[in-house]
Structure formats: structure tokens, C-alpha cells
All heavy atoms as atom14 arrays in JSON, in Angstrom:
{
  "sequence": "LWNNIRLGKYYLKPMEVITSWDGRQTVQWCAEDA",
  "atom14_mask": [
    [1, 1, 1, 1, 1, 1, 1, 1, 0, 0, 0, 0, 0, 0],
    [1, 1, 1, 1, 1, 1, 1, 1, 1, 1, 1, 1, 1, 1],
    [1, 1, 1, 1, 1, 1, 1, 1, 0, 0, 0, 0, 0, 0],
    [1, 1, 1, 1, 1, 1, 1, 1, 0, 0, 0, 0, 0, 0],
    [1, 1, 1, 1, 1, 1, 1, 1, 0, 0, 0, 0, 0, 0],
    [1, 1, 1, 1, 1, 1, 1, 1, 1, 1, 1, 0, 0, 0],
    [1, 1, 1, 1, 1, 1, 1, 1, 0, 0, 0, 0, 0, 0],
    [1, 1, 1, 1, 0, 0, 0, 0, 0, 0, 0, 0, 0, 0],
    [1, 1, 1, 1, 1, 1, 1, 1, 1, 0, 0, 0, 0, 0],
    [1, 1, 1, 1, 1, 1, 1, 1, 1, 1, 1, 1, 0, 0],
    [1, 1, 1, 1, 1, 1, 1, 1, 1, 1, 1, 1, 0, 0],
    [1, 1, 1, 1, 1, 1, 1, 1, 0, 0, 0, 0, 0, 0],
    [1, 1, 1, 1, 1, 1, 1, 1, 1, 0, 0, 0, 0, 0],
    [1, 1, 1, 1, 1, 1, 1, 0, 0, 0, 0, 0, 0, 0],
    [1, 1, 1, 1, 1, 1, 1, 1, 0, 0, 0, 0, 0, 0],
    [1, 1, 1, 1, 1, 1, 1, 1, 1, 0, 0, 0, 0, 0],
    [1, 1, 1, 1, 1, 1, 1, 0, 0, 0, 0, 0, 0, 0],
    [1, 1, 1, 1, 1, 1, 1, 1, 0, 0, 0, 0, 0, 0],
    [1, 1, 1, 1, 1, 1, 1, 0, 0, 0, 0, 0, 0, 0],
    [1, 1, 1, 1, 1, 1, 0, 0, 0, 0, 0, 0, 0, 0],
    [1, 1, 1, 1, 1, 1, 1, 1, 1, 1, 1, 1, 1, 1],
    [1, 1, 1, 1, 1, 1, 1, 1, 0, 0, 0, 0, 0, 0],
    [1, 1, 1, 1, 0, 0, 0, 0, 0, 0, 0, 0, 0, 0],
    [1, 1, 1, 1, 1, 1, 1, 1, 1, 1, 1, 0, 0, 0],
    [1, 1, 1, 1, 1, 1, 1, 1, 1, 0, 0, 0, 0, 0],
    [1, 1, 1, 1, 1, 1, 1, 0, 0, 0, 0, 0, 0, 0],
    [1, 1, 1, 1, 1, 1, 1, 0, 0, 0, 0, 0, 0, 0],
    [1, 1, 1, 1, 1, 1, 1, 1, 1, 0, 0, 0, 0, 0],
    [1, 1, 1, 1, 1, 1, 1, 1, 1, 1, 1, 1, 1, 1],
    [1, 1, 1, 1, 1, 1, 0, 0, 0, 0, 0, 0, 0, 0],
    [1, 1, 1, 1, 1, 0, 0, 0, 0, 0, 0, 0, 0, 0],
    [1, 1, 1, 1, 1, 1, 1, 1, 1, 0, 0, 0, 0, 0],
    [1, 1, 1, 1, 1, 1, 1, 1, 0, 0, 0, 0, 0, 0],
    [1, 1, 1, 1, 1, 0, 0, 0, 0, 0, 0, 0, 0, 0]
  ],
  "atom14_positions": [
    [[-79.76, -87.64, -86.3], [-78.34, -87.6, -85.97], [-78.11, -87.82, -84.47], [-77.23, -88.57, -84.06], [-77.74, -86.25, -86.39], [-77.48, -86.03, -87.87], [-77.03, -84.6, -88.11], [-76.42, -87.0, -88.37], [0.0, 0.0, 0.0], [0.0, 0.0, 0.0], [0.0, 0.0, 0.0], [0.0, 0.0, 0.0], [0.0, 0.0, 0.0], [0.0, 0.0, 0.0]],
    [[-78.92, -87.15, -83.66], [-78.77, -87.25, -82.21], [-78.99, -88.69, -81.74], [-78.23, -89.19, -80.91], [-79.74, -86.3, -81.52], [-79.87, -86.57, -80.04], [-80.97, -87.01, -79.38], [-78.84, -86.42, -79.07], [-80.71, -87.15, -78.04], [-79.41, -86.8, -77.82], [-77.52, -86.02, -79.1], [-78.68, -86.77, -76.64], [-76.79, -86.0, -77.92], [-77.36, -86.37, -76.71]],
    [[-79.98, -89.34, -82.26], [-80.26, -90.73, -81.86], [-79.12, -91.66, -82.26], [-78.74, -92.56, -81.49], [-81.57, -91.2, -82.47], [-82.78, -90.53, -81.82], [-82.75, -90.19, -80.63], [-83.84, -90.33, -82.59], [0.0, 0.0, 0.0], [0.0, 0.0, 0.0], [0.0, 0.0, 0.0], [0.0, 0.0, 0.0], [0.0, 0.0, 0.0], [0.0, 0.0, 0.0]],
    [[-78.57, -91.46, -83.46], [-77.45, -92.3, -83.88], [-76.22, -92.09, -83.01], [-75.51, -93.05, -82.67], [-77.1, -91.99, -85.34], [-78.15, -92.5, -86.31], [-78.89, -93.44, -85.99], [-78.22, -91.91, -87.48], [0.0, 0.0, 0.0], [0.0, 0.0, 0.0], [0.0, 0.0, 0.0], [0.0, 0.0, 0.0], [0.0, 0.0, 0.0], [0.0, 0.0, 0.0]],
    [[-75.96, -90.86, -82.62], [-74.82, -90.57, -81.76], [-75.02, -91.19, -80.38], [-74.12, -91.84, -79.82], [-74.62, -89.04, -81.64], [-74.19, -88.46, -82.98], [-73.61, -88.71, -80.55], [-74.27, -86.97, -83.03], [0.0, 0.0, 0.0], [0.0, 0.0, 0.0], [0.0, 0.0, 0.0], [0.0, 0.0, 0.0], [0.0, 0.0, 0.0], [0.0, 0.0, 0.0]],
    [[-76.19, -90.99, -79.83], [-76.48, -91.48, -78.48], [-76.37, -93.0, -78.41], [-75.95, -93.56, -77.39], [-77.89, -91.01, -78.08], [-78.31, -91.38, -76.67], [-79.62, -90.69, -76.34], [-80.63, -90.94, -77.34], [-81.41, -92.0, -77.35], [-81.3, -92.93, -76.4], [-82.34, -92.15, -78.29], [0.0, 0.0, 0.0], [0.0, 0.0, 0.0], [0.0, 0.0, 0.0]],
    [[-76.75, -93.67, -79.49], [-76.72, -95.13, -79.53], [-75.39, -95.69, -80.05], [-75.23, -96.9, -80.18], [-77.87, -95.65, -80.41], [-79.28, -95.29, -79.93], [-80.31, -95.73, -80.95], [-79.57, -95.93, -78.57], [0.0, 0.0, 0.0], [0.0, 0.0, 0.0], [0.0, 0.0, 0.0], [0.0, 0.0, 0.0], [0.0, 0.0, 0.0], [0.0, 0.0, 0.0]],
    [[-74.44, -94.79, -80.35], [-73.14, -95.24, -80.85], [-73.18, -95.76, -82.26], [-72.35, -96.6, -82.65], [0.0, 0.0, 0.0], [0.0, 0.0, 0.0], [0.0, 0.0, 0.0], [0.0, 0.0, 0.0], [0.0, 0.0, 0.0], [0.0, 0.0, 0.0], [0.0, 0.0, 0.0], [0.0, 0.0, 0.0], [0.0, 0.0, 0.0], [0.0, 0.0, 0.0]],
    [[-74.12, -95.24, -83.09], [-74.26, -95.72, -84.45], [-73.87, -94.69, -85.5], [-74.15, -94.85, -86.68], [-75.72, -96.16, -84.69], [-76.16, -97.34, -83.84], [-77.6, -97.73, -84.15], [-78.04, -98.93, -83.32], [-79.44, -99.32, -83.62], [0.0, 0.0, 0.0], [0.0, 0.0, 0.0], [0.0, 0.0, 0.0], [0.0, 0.0, 0.0], [0.0, 0.0, 0.0]],
    [[-73.24, -93.61, -85.04], [-72.83, -92.58, -86.0], [-71.41, -92.89, -86.5], [-70.54, -93.26, -85.71], [-72.86, -91.19, -85.37], [-72.54, -90.09, -86.37], [-73.54, -89.55, -87.16], [-71.25, -89.63, -86.52], [-73.26, -88.57, -88.09], [-70.95, -88.64, -87.45], [-71.97, -88.12, -88.23], [-71.68, -87.14, -89.15], [0.0, 0.0, 0.0], [0.0, 0.0, 0.0]],
    [[-71.18, -92.67, -87.8], [-69.88, -92.96, -88.39], [-69.37, -91.72, -89.13], [-70.08, -91.16, -89.98], [-69.98, -94.15, -89.35], [-70.43, -95.41, -88.65], [-71.76, -95.82, -88.71], [-69.52, -96.16, -87.92], [-72.17, -96.96, -88.04], [-69.93, -97.31, -87.26], [-71.25, -97.7, -87.32], [-71.66, -98.83, -86.65], [0.0, 0.0, 0.0], [0.0, 0.0, 0.0]],
    [[-68.17, -91.3, -88.77], [-67.56, -90.14, -89.42], [-67.21, -90.46, -90.87], [-66.81, -91.57, -91.19], [-66.29, -89.74, -88.67], [-66.45, -89.31, -87.21], [-65.08, -89.05, -86.59], [-67.33, -88.08, -87.09], [0.0, 0.0, 0.0], [0.0, 0.0, 0.0], [0.0, 0.0, 0.0], [0.0, 0.0, 0.0], [0.0, 0.0, 0.0], [0.0, 0.0, 0.0]],
    [[-67.37, -89.47, -91.71], [-67.04, -89.62, -93.12], [-65.58, -89.25, -93.36], [-64.97, -88.57, -92.54], [-67.97, -88.74, -93.96], [-69.45, -89.03, -93.74], [-70.31, -87.97, -94.35], [-71.77, -88.17, -93.96], [-71.97, -88.02, -92.49], [0.0, 0.0, 0.0], [0.0, 0.0, 0.0], [0.0, 0.0, 0.0], [0.0, 0.0, 0.0], [0.0, 0.0, 0.0]],
    [[-65.0, -89.68, -94.47], [-63.62, -89.26, -94.77], [-63.52, -87.74, -94.9], [-64.45, -87.09, -95.38], [-63.33, -89.94, -96.11], [-64.29, -91.09, -96.16], [-65.53, -90.62, -95.46], [0.0, 0.0, 0.0], [0.0, 0.0, 0.0], [0.0, 0.0, 0.0], [0.0, 0.0, 0.0], [0.0, 0.0, 0.0], [0.0, 0.0, 0.0], [0.0, 0.0, 0.0]],
    [[-62.41, -87.19, -94.47], [-62.19, -85.76, -94.62], [-61.98, -85.42, -96.09], [-61.47, -86.23, -96.86], [-60.98, -85.32, -93.79], [-61.12, -85.53, -92.3], [-59.75, -84.82, -91.36], [-60.13, -83.08, -91.5], [0.0, 0.0, 0.0], [0.0, 0.0, 0.0], [0.0, 0.0, 0.0], [0.0, 0.0, 0.0], [0.0, 0.0, 0.0], [0.0, 0.0, 0.0]],
    [[-62.38, -84.21, -96.47], [-62.26, -83.77, -97.85], [-61.06, -82.85, -98.01], [-60.77, -82.04, -97.13], [-63.52, -83.02, -98.28], [-64.79, -83.84, -98.17], [-66.01, -83.01, -98.52], [-66.13, -82.6, -99.69], [-66.82, -82.75, -97.62], [0.0, 0.0, 0.0], [0.0, 0.0, 0.0], [0.0, 0.0, 0.0], [0.0, 0.0, 0.0], [0.0, 0.0, 0.0]],
    [[-60.37, -82.97, -99.13], [-59.25, -82.08, -99.45], [-59.81, -80.83, -100.13], [-60.49, -80.91, -101.15], [-58.22, -82.78, -100.36], [-57.11, -81.81, -100.75], [-57.65, -84.0, -99.65], [0.0, 0.0, 0.0], [0.0, 0.0, 0.0], [0.0, 0.0, 0.0], [0.0, 0.0, 0.0], [0.0, 0.0, 0.0], [0.0, 0.0, 0.0], [0.0, 0.0, 0.0]],
    [[-59.5, -79.66, -99.56], [-59.97, -78.39, -100.09], [-58.78, -77.62, -100.65], [-57.77, -77.44, -99.96], [-60.66, -77.54, -99.0], [-61.77, -78.35, -98.31], [-61.2, -76.25, -99.6], [-62.9, -78.74, -99.23], [0.0, 0.0, 0.0], [0.0, 0.0, 0.0], [0.0, 0.0, 0.0], [0.0, 0.0, 0.0], [0.0, 0.0, 0.0], [0.0, 0.0, 0.0]],
    [[-58.87, -77.17, -101.9], [-57.81, -76.39, -102.53], [-58.23, -74.92, -102.57], [-59.27, -74.59, -103.11], [-57.52, -76.88, -103.96], [-57.19, -78.28, -103.92], [-56.37, -76.12, -104.57], [0.0, 0.0, 0.0], [0.0, 0.0, 0.0], [0.0, 0.0, 0.0], [0.0, 0.0, 0.0], [0.0, 0.0, 0.0], [0.0, 0.0, 0.0], [0.0, 0.0, 0.0]],
    [[-57.4, -74.05, -101.99], [-57.72, -72.62, -101.93], [-57.35, -71.93, -103.23], [-56.78, -72.53, -104.14], [-56.98, -71.96, -100.76], [-55.58, -72.06, -100.93], [0.0, 0.0, 0.0], [0.0, 0.0, 0.0], [0.0, 0.0, 0.0], [0.0, 0.0, 0.0], [0.0, 0.0, 0.0], [0.0, 0.0, 0.0], [0.0, 0.0, 0.0], [0.0, 0.0, 0.0]],
    [[-57.65, -70.65, -103.33], [-57.41, -69.87, -104.55], [-55.93, -69.82, -104.91], [-55.59, -69.68, -106.08], [-57.94, -68.45, -104.36], [-57.25, -67.71, -103.24], [-57.59, -67.72, -101.92], [-56.09, -66.88, -103.35], [-56.72, -66.95, -101.19], [-55.79, -66.41, -102.05], [-55.28, -66.48, -104.4], [-54.71, -65.57, -101.79], [-54.2, -65.63, -104.14], [-53.93, -65.19, -102.85]],
    [[-55.04, -69.9, -103.89], [-53.61, -69.81, -104.18], [-52.95, -71.18, -104.3], [-51.73, -71.29, -104.3], [-52.91, -68.99, -103.1], [-53.15, -69.55, -101.7], [-53.91, -70.53, -101.57], [-52.57, -69.02, -100.74], [0.0, 0.0, 0.0], [0.0, 0.0, 0.0], [0.0, 0.0, 0.0], [0.0, 0.0, 0.0], [0.0, 0.0, 0.0], [0.0, 0.0, 0.0]],
    [[-53.76, -72.24, -104.4], [-53.22, -73.58, -104.6], [-52.91, -74.36, -103.34], [-52.49, -75.51, -103.41], [0.0, 0.0, 0.0], [0.0, 0.0, 0.0], [0.0, 0.0, 0.0], [0.0, 0.0, 0.0], [0.0, 0.0, 0.0], [0.0, 0.0, 0.0], [0.0, 0.0, 0.0], [0.0, 0.0, 0.0], [0.0, 0.0, 0.0], [0.0, 0.0, 0.0]],
    [[-53.1, -73.77, -102.18], [-52.83, -74.47, -100.93], [-53.94, -75.48, -100.64], [-55.12, -75.2, -100.86], [-52.72, -73.47, -99.77], [-51.57, -72.49, -99.91], [-51.54, -71.52, -98.74], [-50.49, -70.52, -98.89], [-50.29, -69.53, -98.03], [-51.07, -69.41, -96.96], [-49.32, -68.65, -98.25], [0.0, 0.0, 0.0], [0.0, 0.0, 0.0], [0.0, 0.0, 0.0]],
    [[-53.54, -76.61, -100.11], [-54.51, -77.66, -99.82], [-54.67, -77.87, -98.31], [-53.67, -77.89, -97.57], [-54.08, -78.99, -100.47], [-54.22, -79.01, -101.98], [-53.97, -80.37, -102.56], [-53.21, -81.17, -102.04], [-54.63, -80.67, -103.67], [0.0, 0.0, 0.0], [0.0, 0.0, 0.0], [0.0, 0.0, 0.0], [0.0, 0.0, 0.0], [0.0, 0.0, 0.0]],
    [[-55.91, -77.99, -97.88], [-56.22, -78.31, -96.5], [-57.29, -79.4, -96.5], [-57.93, -79.67, -97.52], [-56.75, -77.08, -95.74], [-57.92, -76.55, -96.43], [-55.7, -75.99, -95.66], [0.0, 0.0, 0.0], [0.0, 0.0, 0.0], [0.0, 0.0, 0.0], [0.0, 0.0, 0.0], [0.0, 0.0, 0.0], [0.0, 0.0, 0.0], [0.0, 0.0, 0.0]],
    [[-57.46, -80.04, -95.35], [-58.52, -81.05, -95.22], [-59.59, -80.53, -94.27], [-59.29, -79.78, -93.34], [-57.96, -82.39, -94.72], [-57.13, -83.06, -95.78], [-57.15, -82.2, -93.45], [0.0, 0.0, 0.0], [0.0, 0.0, 0.0], [0.0, 0.0, 0.0], [0.0, 0.0, 0.0], [0.0, 0.0, 0.0], [0.0, 0.0, 0.0], [0.0, 0.0, 0.0]],
    [[-60.82, -80.93, -94.51], [-61.94, -80.4, -93.74], [-62.99, -81.47, -93.52], [-63.27, -82.27, -94.4], [-62.55, -79.2, -94.48], [-63.76, -78.59, -93.8], [-64.29, -77.4, -94.56], [-63.82, -76.28, -94.4], [-65.28, -77.63, -95.41], [0.0, 0.0, 0.0], [0.0, 0.0, 0.0], [0.0, 0.0, 0.0], [0.0, 0.0, 0.0], [0.0, 0.0, 0.0]],
    [[-63.58, -81.46, -92.33], [-64.7, -82.34, -92.03], [-65.96, -81.77, -92.66], [-66.1, -80.55, -92.78], [-64.92, -82.46, -90.52], [-63.81, -83.11, -89.77], [-62.84, -82.48, -89.05], [-63.54, -84.51, -89.64], [-61.99, -83.4, -88.5], [-62.39, -84.65, -88.84], [-64.16, -85.65, -90.14], [-61.85, -85.89, -88.51], [-63.62, -86.89, -89.82], [-62.49, -87.01, -89.02]],
    [[-66.88, -82.63, -93.03], [-68.17, -82.16, -93.52], [-68.94, -81.54, -92.35], [-68.55, -81.66, -91.19], [-68.97, -83.3, -94.15], [-69.54, -84.56, -92.97], [0.0, 0.0, 0.0], [0.0, 0.0, 0.0], [0.0, 0.0, 0.0], [0.0, 0.0, 0.0], [0.0, 0.0, 0.0], [0.0, 0.0, 0.0], [0.0, 0.0, 0.0], [0.0, 0.0, 0.0]],
    [[-70.04, -80.85, -92.65], [-70.78, -80.11, -91.63], [-71.28, -81.03, -90.51], [-71.19, -80.7, -89.32], [-71.95, -79.37, -92.27], [0.0, 0.0, 0.0], [0.0, 0.0, 0.0], [0.0, 0.0, 0.0], [0.0, 0.0, 0.0], [0.0, 0.0, 0.0], [0.0, 0.0, 0.0], [0.0, 0.0, 0.0], [0.0, 0.0, 0.0], [0.0, 0.0, 0.0]],
    [[-71.82, -82.2, -90.87], [-72.34, -83.13, -89.86], [-71.22, -83.59, -88.93], [-71.39, -83.62, -87.72], [-72.98, -84.34, -90.54], [-74.32, -84.05, -91.19], [-74.96, -85.32, -91.73], [-74.39, -86.41, -91.51], [-76.01, -85.22, -92.37], [0.0, 0.0, 0.0], [0.0, 0.0, 0.0], [0.0, 0.0, 0.0], [0.0, 0.0, 0.0], [0.0, 0.0, 0.0]],
    [[-70.07, -83.95, -89.5], [-68.97, -84.43, -88.69], [-68.4, -83.33, -87.8], [-68.03, -83.57, -86.65], [-67.86, -85.0, -89.57], [-68.27, -86.3, -90.25], [-69.31, -86.86, -89.86], [-67.56, -86.75, -91.16], [0.0, 0.0, 0.0], [0.0, 0.0, 0.0], [0.0, 0.0, 0.0], [0.0, 0.0, 0.0], [0.0, 0.0, 0.0], [0.0, 0.0, 0.0]],
    [[-68.32, -82.11, -88.33], [-67.84, -80.98, -87.52], [-68.77, -80.75, -86.33], [-68.32, -80.46, -85.21], [-67.76, -79.72, -88.38], [0.0, 0.0, 0.0], [0.0, 0.0, 0.0], [0.0, 0.0, 0.0], [0.0, 0.0, 0.0], [0.0, 0.0, 0.0], [0.0, 0.0, 0.0], [0.0, 0.0, 0.0], [0.0, 0.0, 0.0], [0.0, 0.0, 0.0]]
  ]
}
């Protein structure tokens, strides 16, 4: 991961929609992107 970032070859993934227990929706980056 570090080498890809340093060389400008890292690409962010689409954010994911997360639905909570009460039906509320939020978007979240995956662990690598965060």
C-alpha cells in the first residue's frame, strides 16, 4: 500500500452505504481508504 501511494498508483474505492439498526443510512470508506 505504501509503495502504491508514494508512486501515485493508489486508487480509492467507492464509498459503501451502511444502514444502521434504526434504518438510517450513512456512507463509509473501507479500512484501506480511511
